[in-house]
Amino acid sequence: MVAAPRYPARMALTDIELRVLGALVEKERTTPEAYPLSSQALHTACNQKTSREPVTDYHLQDVLAAVQRLHDKGLVATVQEVSDRVPKHRHKLAQAWSVDARELAVLSVLMLRGPQTPGELRTRTERYTTFPDIASLERVLIGLAERRVPLVENLGRGPGQSQDRWDHKLGLDEERMQPRVRSRQPDEGHDGHAQDGHHSNGSALAVLLRRVEDLERRVAELEAAAGG
């Protein structure tokens, strides 16, 4: 049985971080003679026009900033051999997530191209590894989905589709990232928020602090009444 991944359950990766990781895995498997990648080669790989959905136009500085964040998360290492003219980058996903070559191939293609069916994944991972049939690839997907911290999820079938679509679960959780403070409606009072009822970060924090102060005051009043 494959061990559960060691990265924290709450770790979430941005789109550019996912693109960096996917590109590193892809180049490791498809062009091993050029791996690890220099910063410029990684930048080119991230903005590659083929085998990418969507095609991007990241700046080199953005890619390097993503590399630094991934380094801090233990997912990327930067190395420089004596014969290297410049530092080069490699991923550490096999160790960090406890995944084998087939699992890593599937995750890479999902990171680079988004939701796909098992049939699409089997075709697109041919340059990385070999799946004798779709059933063997589906077993890998199910294994990744059944981990304590799932790495993929089944999205079900879309209209006219004969196979379920799968996607990774490594990105930012948009629902979890939403503000916890409920926005006031226009008739609920004025707190310096915009007319559409959405608070800026500062006004939302002010509302939250006022609510905490109100609760603390009520608790103090109750305690005083009980003591009397």
C-alpha atoms as a PDB file:
ATOM      1  CA  MET A   1       0.000   0.000   0.000  1.00  0.00           C
ATOM      2  CA  VAL A   2       1.309   3.462  -0.930  1.00  0.00           C
ATOM      3  CA  ALA A   3       1.861   5.665   2.091  1.00  0.00           C
ATOM      4  CA  ALA A   4      -0.264   8.764   2.511  1.00  0.00           C
ATOM      5  CA  PRO A   5       1.355  11.941   1.200  1.00  0.00           C
ATOM      6  CA  ARG A   6       3.377  13.824   3.771  1.00  0.00           C
ATOM      7  CA  TYR A   7       2.383  17.321   2.731  1.00  0.00           C
ATOM      8  CA  PRO A   8      -0.168  19.117   4.937  1.00  0.00           C
ATOM      9  CA  ALA A   9      -3.835  18.595   4.104  1.00  0.00           C
ATOM     10  CA  ARG A  10      -4.332  22.371   3.909  1.00  0.00           C
ATOM     11  CA  MET A  11      -1.521  22.991   1.436  1.00  0.00           C
ATOM     12  CA  ALA A  12      -2.899  24.561  -1.728  1.00  0.00           C
ATOM     13  CA  LEU A  13      -1.010  25.459  -4.885  1.00  0.00           C
ATOM     14  CA  THR A  14      -1.598  28.405  -7.189  1.00  0.00           C
ATOM     15  CA  ASP A  15      -2.050  28.010 -10.932  1.00  0.00           C
ATOM     16  CA  ILE A  16       1.516  29.071 -11.683  1.00  0.00           C
ATOM     17  CA  GLU A  17       2.918  26.730  -9.021  1.00  0.00           C
ATOM     18  CA  LEU A  18       0.955  23.856 -10.567  1.00  0.00           C
ATOM     19  CA  ARG A  19       2.284  24.767 -14.003  1.00  0.00           C
ATOM     20  CA  VAL A  20       5.869  24.813 -12.707  1.00  0.00           C
ATOM     21  CA  LEU A  21       5.498  21.383 -11.081  1.00  0.00           C
ATOM     22  CA  GLY A  22       3.752  19.871 -14.088  1.00  0.00           C
ATOM     23  CA  ALA A  23       6.437  21.200 -16.435  1.00  0.00           C
ATOM     24  CA  LEU A  24       9.257  19.856 -14.268  1.00  0.00           C
ATOM     25  CA  VAL A  25       7.724  16.381 -14.137  1.00  0.00           C
ATOM     26  CA  GLU A  26       7.031  16.408 -17.866  1.00  0.00           C
ATOM     27  CA  LYS A  27      10.582  17.387 -18.820  1.00  0.00           C
ATOM     28  CA  GLU A  28      12.100  14.903 -16.386  1.00  0.00           C
ATOM     29  CA  ARG A  29      10.264  12.080 -18.163  1.00  0.00           C
ATOM     30  CA  THR A  30      10.323  13.296 -21.772  1.00  0.00           C
ATOM     31  CA  THR A  31      13.718  15.056 -22.049  1.00  0.00           C
ATOM     32  CA  PRO A  32      15.821  13.583 -19.242  1.00  0.00           C
ATOM     33  CA  GLU A  33      19.046  14.744 -20.913  1.00  0.00           C
ATOM     34  CA  ALA A  34      17.978  18.379 -20.326  1.00  0.00           C
ATOM     35  CA  TYR A  35      16.749  17.865 -16.767  1.00  0.00           C
ATOM     36  CA  PRO A  36      17.003  19.556 -14.222  1.00  0.00           C
ATOM     37  CA  LEU A  37      15.859  22.738 -15.955  1.00  0.00           C
ATOM     38  CA  SER A  38      17.521  26.117 -15.984  1.00  0.00           C
ATOM     39  CA  SER A  39      15.330  29.081 -15.101  1.00  0.00           C
ATOM     40  CA  GLN A  40      14.994  30.040 -18.749  1.00  0.00           C
ATOM     41  CA  ALA A  41      14.174  26.478 -19.823  1.00  0.00           C
ATOM     42  CA  LEU A  42      11.551  26.218 -17.076  1.00  0.00           C
ATOM     43  CA  HIS A  43      10.050  29.540 -18.132  1.00  0.00           C
ATOM     44  CA  THR A  44       9.812  28.280 -21.712  1.00  0.00           C
ATOM     45  CA  ALA A  45       8.277  24.986 -20.565  1.00  0.00           C
ATOM     46  CA  CYS A  46       5.604  26.761 -18.519  1.00  0.00           C
ATOM     47  CA  ASN A  47       4.550  28.876 -21.524  1.00  0.00           C
ATOM     48  CA  GLN A  48       4.807  26.040 -24.033  1.00  0.00           C
ATOM     49  CA  LYS A  49       2.167  26.258 -26.776  1.00  0.00           C
ATOM     50  CA  THR A  50       1.533  22.501 -26.970  1.00  0.00           C
ATOM     51  CA  SER A  51       0.235  20.099 -24.310  1.00  0.00           C
ATOM     52  CA  ARG A  52      -0.900  23.032 -22.162  1.00  0.00           C
ATOM     53  CA  GLU A  53      -4.422  24.080 -21.246  1.00  0.00           C
ATOM     54  CA  PRO A  54      -4.600  26.983 -20.975  1.00  0.00           C
ATOM     55  CA  VAL A  55      -1.595  28.354 -22.838  1.00  0.00           C
ATOM     56  CA  THR A  56      -0.006  31.002 -20.625  1.00  0.00           C
ATOM     57  CA  ASP A  57       2.376  33.947 -20.902  1.00  0.00           C
ATOM     58  CA  TYR A  58       4.003  34.065 -17.472  1.00  0.00           C
ATOM     59  CA  HIS A  59       6.903  36.435 -16.894  1.00  0.00           C
ATOM     60  CA  LEU A  60      10.223  34.925 -15.886  1.00  0.00           C
ATOM     61  CA  GLN A  61      10.081  36.757 -12.549  1.00  0.00           C
ATOM     62  CA  ASP A  62       6.690  35.186 -11.794  1.00  0.00           C
ATOM     63  CA  VAL A  63       8.007  31.708 -12.546  1.00  0.00           C
ATOM     64  CA  LEU A  64      11.030  32.259 -10.301  1.00  0.00           C
ATOM     65  CA  ALA A  65       8.810  33.558  -7.506  1.00  0.00           C
ATOM     66  CA  ALA A  66       6.705  30.399  -7.815  1.00  0.00           C
ATOM     67  CA  VAL A  67       9.866  28.279  -7.686  1.00  0.00           C
ATOM     68  CA  GLN A  68      10.874  29.988  -4.447  1.00  0.00           C
ATOM     69  CA  ARG A  69       7.474  29.320  -2.870  1.00  0.00           C
ATOM     70  CA  LEU A  70       7.637  25.675  -3.954  1.00  0.00           C
ATOM     71  CA  HIS A  71      11.143  25.465  -2.526  1.00  0.00           C
ATOM     72  CA  ASP A  72       9.789  26.737   0.799  1.00  0.00           C
ATOM     73  CA  LYS A  73       7.087  24.046   0.658  1.00  0.00           C
ATOM     74  CA  GLY A  74       9.655  21.313   0.067  1.00  0.00           C
ATOM     75  CA  LEU A  75       8.405  20.518  -3.438  1.00  0.00           C
ATOM     76  CA  VAL A  76      11.256  21.911  -5.541  1.00  0.00           C
ATOM     77  CA  ALA A  77      15.046  21.987  -5.190  1.00  0.00           C
ATOM     78  CA  THR A  78      17.534  24.248  -6.952  1.00  0.00           C
ATOM     79  CA  VAL A  79      20.907  22.677  -7.677  1.00  0.00           C
ATOM     80  CA  GLN A  80      24.107  23.613  -9.472  1.00  0.00           C
ATOM     81  CA  GLU A  81      26.729  21.056 -10.419  1.00  0.00           C
ATOM     82  CA  VAL A  82      30.339  22.020 -11.046  1.00  0.00           C
ATOM     83  CA  SER A  83      29.738  21.715 -14.781  1.00  0.00           C
ATOM     84  CA  ASP A  84      26.576  23.862 -14.715  1.00  0.00           C
ATOM     85  CA  ARG A  85      26.852  27.486 -15.772  1.00  0.00           C
ATOM     86  CA  VAL A  86      23.579  28.406 -14.037  1.00  0.00           C
ATOM     87  CA  PRO A  87      21.431  26.975 -11.234  1.00  0.00           C
ATOM     88  CA  LYS A  88      18.828  24.408 -12.274  1.00  0.00           C
ATOM     89  CA  HIS A  89      15.524  23.294 -10.815  1.00  0.00           C
ATOM     90  CA  ARG A  90      14.031  19.875 -10.127  1.00  0.00           C
ATOM     91  CA  HIS A  91      10.871  18.698  -8.400  1.00  0.00           C
ATOM     92  CA  LYS A  92      10.730  16.576  -5.219  1.00  0.00           C
ATOM     93  CA  LEU A  93       7.187  15.246  -5.628  1.00  0.00           C
ATOM     94  CA  ALA A  94       7.995  11.534  -5.495  1.00  0.00           C
ATOM     95  CA  GLN A  95       9.317  11.962  -1.968  1.00  0.00           C
ATOM     96  CA  ALA A  96       6.988  14.737  -0.798  1.00  0.00           C
ATOM     97  CA  TRP A  97       3.779  13.073  -1.977  1.00  0.00           C
ATOM     98  CA  SER A  98       4.915   9.419  -1.874  1.00  0.00           C
ATOM     99  CA  VAL A  99       3.894   8.753  -5.481  1.00  0.00           C
ATOM    100  CA  ASP A 100       5.311   6.326  -8.012  1.00  0.00           C
ATOM    101  CA  ALA A 101       6.104   6.971 -11.684  1.00  0.00           C
ATOM    102  CA  ARG A 102       2.595   6.186 -12.946  1.00  0.00           C
ATOM    103  CA  GLU A 103       0.882   8.311 -10.311  1.00  0.00           C
ATOM    104  CA  LEU A 104       3.268  11.163 -11.006  1.00  0.00           C
ATOM    105  CA  ALA A 105       2.598  10.939 -14.748  1.00  0.00           C
ATOM    106  CA  VAL A 106      -1.156  11.203 -14.201  1.00  0.00           C
ATOM    107  CA  LEU A 107      -0.797  14.127 -11.797  1.00  0.00           C
ATOM    108  CA  SER A 108       1.536  15.959 -14.166  1.00  0.00           C
ATOM    109  CA  VAL A 109      -0.853  15.736 -17.117  1.00  0.00           C
ATOM    110  CA  LEU A 110      -3.749  16.868 -14.908  1.00  0.00           C
ATOM    111  CA  MET A 111      -1.695  19.835 -13.673  1.00  0.00           C
ATOM    112  CA  LEU A 112      -0.779  20.800 -17.235  1.00  0.00           C
ATOM    113  CA  ARG A 113      -4.105  20.202 -18.986  1.00  0.00           C
ATOM    114  CA  GLY A 114      -6.919  20.224 -16.432  1.00  0.00           C
ATOM    115  CA  PRO A 115      -9.834  17.743 -16.139  1.00  0.00           C
ATOM    116  CA  GLN A 116      -9.635  14.716 -18.456  1.00  0.00           C
ATOM    117  CA  THR A 117     -11.132  11.300 -19.005  1.00  0.00           C
ATOM    118  CA  PRO A 118      -9.115   8.117 -18.343  1.00  0.00           C
ATOM    119  CA  GLY A 119      -8.872   7.611 -22.105  1.00  0.00           C
ATOM    120  CA  GLU A 120      -7.382  11.068 -22.601  1.00  0.00           C
ATOM    121  CA  LEU A 121      -5.013  10.559 -19.702  1.00  0.00           C
ATOM    122  CA  ARG A 122      -3.807   7.229 -21.059  1.00  0.00           C
ATOM    123  CA  THR A 123      -3.007   8.804 -24.428  1.00  0.00           C
ATOM    124  CA  ARG A 124      -1.331  11.872 -22.934  1.00  0.00           C
ATOM    125  CA  THR A 125       0.840   9.928 -20.480  1.00  0.00           C
ATOM    126  CA  GLU A 126       2.343   7.688 -23.171  1.00  0.00           C
ATOM    127  CA  ARG A 127       5.500   9.840 -23.235  1.00  0.00           C
ATOM    128  CA  TYR A 128       5.876   9.417 -19.470  1.00  0.00           C
ATOM    129  CA  THR A 129       5.009   5.785 -18.780  1.00  0.00           C
ATOM    130  CA  THR A 130       2.914   2.857 -20.029  1.00  0.00           C
ATOM    131  CA  PHE A 131      -0.609   1.847 -19.069  1.00  0.00           C
ATOM    132  CA  PRO A 132      -1.590  -1.461 -20.732  1.00  0.00           C
ATOM    133  CA  ASP A 133      -5.269  -0.507 -20.689  1.00  0.00           C
ATOM    134  CA  ILE A 134      -7.696   2.100 -19.377  1.00  0.00           C
ATOM    135  CA  ALA A 135      -8.612  -0.094 -16.420  1.00  0.00           C
ATOM    136  CA  SER A 136      -5.040   0.053 -15.125  1.00  0.00           C
ATOM    137  CA  LEU A 137      -5.064   3.839 -15.337  1.00  0.00           C
ATOM    138  CA  GLU A 138      -8.435   4.002 -13.568  1.00  0.00           C
ATOM    139  CA  ARG A 139      -6.974   1.962 -10.719  1.00  0.00           C
ATOM    140  CA  VAL A 140      -4.257   4.591 -10.318  1.00  0.00           C
ATOM    141  CA  LEU A 141      -6.883   7.352 -10.265  1.00  0.00           C
ATOM    142  CA  ILE A 142      -8.958   5.532  -7.655  1.00  0.00           C
ATOM    143  CA  GLY A 143      -5.876   4.985  -5.508  1.00  0.00           C
ATOM    144  CA  LEU A 144      -5.023   8.686  -5.624  1.00  0.00           C
ATOM    145  CA  ALA A 145      -8.626   9.597  -4.809  1.00  0.00           C
ATOM    146  CA  GLU A 146      -8.845   7.245  -1.825  1.00  0.00           C
ATOM    147  CA  ARG A 147      -5.830   8.573   0.033  1.00  0.00           C
ATOM    148  CA  ARG A 148      -6.266  10.174   3.426  1.00  0.00           C
ATOM    149  CA  VAL A 149      -5.515  13.444   1.651  1.00  0.00           C
ATOM    150  CA  PRO A 150      -7.017  12.859  -1.834  1.00  0.00           C
ATOM    151  CA  LEU A 151      -4.883  14.018  -4.727  1.00  0.00           C
ATOM    152  CA  VAL A 152      -7.551  13.634  -7.425  1.00  0.00           C
ATOM    153  CA  GLU A 153     -11.333  13.606  -7.656  1.00  0.00           C
ATOM    154  CA  ASN A 154     -13.949  12.163  -9.983  1.00  0.00           C
ATOM    155  CA  LEU A 155     -15.999  14.953 -11.562  1.00  0.00           C
ATOM    156  CA  GLY A 156     -18.511  12.617 -13.192  1.00  0.00           C
ATOM    157  CA  ARG A 157     -19.610  12.616 -16.813  1.00  0.00           C
ATOM    158  CA  GLY A 158     -20.503  15.680 -18.789  1.00  0.00           C
ATOM    159  CA  PRO A 159     -23.269  15.794 -21.433  1.00  0.00           C
ATOM    160  CA  GLY A 160     -22.552  13.327 -24.208  1.00  0.00           C
ATOM    161  CA  GLN A 161     -19.492  11.866 -22.504  1.00  0.00           C
ATOM    162  CA  SER A 162     -18.962   8.126 -22.160  1.00  0.00           C
ATOM    163  CA  GLN A 163     -16.303   8.375 -19.440  1.00  0.00           C
ATOM    164  CA  ASP A 164     -16.016  10.212 -16.140  1.00  0.00           C
ATOM    165  CA  ARG A 165     -13.684  13.196 -16.031  1.00  0.00           C
ATOM    166  CA  TRP A 166     -11.022  13.456 -13.355  1.00  0.00           C
ATOM    167  CA  ASP A 167      -9.099  16.409 -11.963  1.00  0.00           C
ATOM    168  CA  HIS A 168      -6.389  16.964  -9.361  1.00  0.00           C
ATOM    169  CA  LYS A 169      -7.155  18.411  -5.914  1.00  0.00           C
ATOM    170  CA  LEU A 170      -3.947  20.390  -5.519  1.00  0.00           C
ATOM    171  CA  GLY A 171      -5.217  23.875  -6.279  1.00  0.00           C
ATOM    172  CA  LEU A 172      -6.651  26.602  -4.114  1.00  0.00           C
ATOM    173  CA  ASP A 173     -10.017  25.816  -2.512  1.00  0.00           C
ATOM    174  CA  GLU A 174     -12.062  28.787  -3.708  1.00  0.00           C
ATOM    175  CA  GLU A 175     -14.895  28.193  -1.232  1.00  0.00           C
ATOM    176  CA  ARG A 176     -12.472  27.940   1.694  1.00  0.00           C
ATOM    177  CA  MET A 177     -10.798  31.165   0.579  1.00  0.00           C
ATOM    178  CA  GLN A 178     -14.044  33.174   0.782  1.00  0.00           C
ATOM    179  CA  PRO A 179     -14.334  35.727   3.635  1.00  0.00           C
ATOM    180  CA  ARG A 180     -15.961  34.344   6.766  1.00  0.00           C
ATOM    181  CA  VAL A 181     -17.719  37.645   7.597  1.00  0.00           C
ATOM    182  CA  ARG A 182     -21.140  38.045   6.017  1.00  0.00           C
ATOM    183  CA  SER A 183     -21.422  41.193   3.919  1.00  0.00           C
ATOM    184  CA  ARG A 184     -24.005  43.691   5.141  1.00  0.00           C
ATOM    185  CA  GLN A 185     -26.885  44.583   2.888  1.00  0.00           C
ATOM    186  CA  PRO A 186     -27.342  48.261   1.990  1.00  0.00           C
ATOM    187  CA  ASP A 187     -30.113  48.715   4.578  1.00  0.00           C
ATOM    188  CA  GLU A 188     -28.116  47.201   7.437  1.00  0.00           C
ATOM    189  CA  GLY A 189     -26.150  50.351   8.194  1.00  0.00           C
ATOM    190  CA  HIS A 190     -23.049  52.112   6.975  1.00  0.00           C
ATOM    191  CA  ASP A 191     -19.619  50.690   7.659  1.00  0.00           C
ATOM    192  CA  GLY A 192     -17.624  52.317   4.895  1.00  0.00           C
ATOM    193  CA  HIS A 193     -18.239  49.419   2.507  1.00  0.00           C
ATOM    194  CA  ALA A 194     -18.957  49.603  -1.198  1.00  0.00           C
ATOM    195  CA  GLN A 195     -22.527  50.070  -2.390  1.00  0.00           C
ATOM    196  CA  ASP A 196     -22.740  46.502  -3.722  1.00  0.00           C
ATOM    197  CA  GLY A 197     -22.500  45.145  -0.156  1.00  0.00           C
ATOM    198  CA  HIS A 198     -18.949  43.749  -0.433  1.00  0.00           C
ATOM    199  CA  HIS A 199     -16.420  44.794   2.209  1.00  0.00           C
ATOM    200  CA  SER A 200     -12.837  45.580   1.541  1.00  0.00           C
ATOM    201  CA  ASN A 201     -10.432  43.536   3.646  1.00  0.00           C
ATOM    202  CA  GLY A 202     -10.023  46.439   6.068  1.00  0.00           C
ATOM    203  CA  SER A 203     -13.737  47.096   6.574  1.00  0.00           C
ATOM    204  CA  ALA A 204     -14.466  43.378   6.936  1.00  0.00           C
ATOM    205  CA  LEU A 205     -11.864  43.147   9.689  1.00  0.00           C
ATOM    206  CA  ALA A 206     -13.350  46.196  11.402  1.00  0.00           C
ATOM    207  CA  VAL A 207     -16.806  44.607  11.367  1.00  0.00           C
ATOM    208  CA  LEU A 208     -15.401  41.385  12.807  1.00  0.00           C
ATOM    209  CA  LEU A 209     -13.577  43.244  15.597  1.00  0.00           C
ATOM    210  CA  ARG A 210     -16.731  45.148  16.517  1.00  0.00           C
ATOM    211  CA  ARG A 211     -18.655  41.882  16.754  1.00  0.00           C
ATOM    212  CA  VAL A 212     -15.986  40.391  19.008  1.00  0.00           C
ATOM    213  CA  GLU A 213     -16.077  43.467  21.234  1.00  0.00           C
ATOM    214  CA  ASP A 214     -19.864  43.251  21.420  1.00  0.00           C
ATOM    215  CA  LEU A 215     -19.737  39.584  22.412  1.00  0.00           C
ATOM    216  CA  GLU A 216     -17.098  40.299  25.066  1.00  0.00           C
ATOM    217  CA  ARG A 217     -19.249  43.102  26.483  1.00  0.00           C
ATOM    218  CA  ARG A 218     -22.291  40.847  26.660  1.00  0.00           C
ATOM    219  CA  VAL A 219     -20.313  38.096  28.391  1.00  0.00           C
ATOM    220  CA  ALA A 220     -19.029  40.611  30.960  1.00  0.00           C
ATOM    221  CA  GLU A 221     -22.568  41.835  31.626  1.00  0.00           C
ATOM    222  CA  LEU A 222     -23.828  38.296  32.116  1.00  0.00           C
ATOM    223  CA  GLU A 223     -20.973  37.476  34.484  1.00  0.00           C
ATOM    224  CA  ALA A 224     -21.666  40.654  36.480  1.00  0.00           C
ATOM    225  CA  ALA A 225     -25.362  39.823  36.719  1.00  0.00           C
ATOM    226  CA  ALA A 226     -24.599  36.283  37.864  1.00  0.00           C
ATOM    227  CA  GLY A 227     -22.175  37.537  40.501  1.00  0.00           C
ATOM    228  CA  GLY A 228     -24.757  39.987  41.800  1.00  0.00           C
END
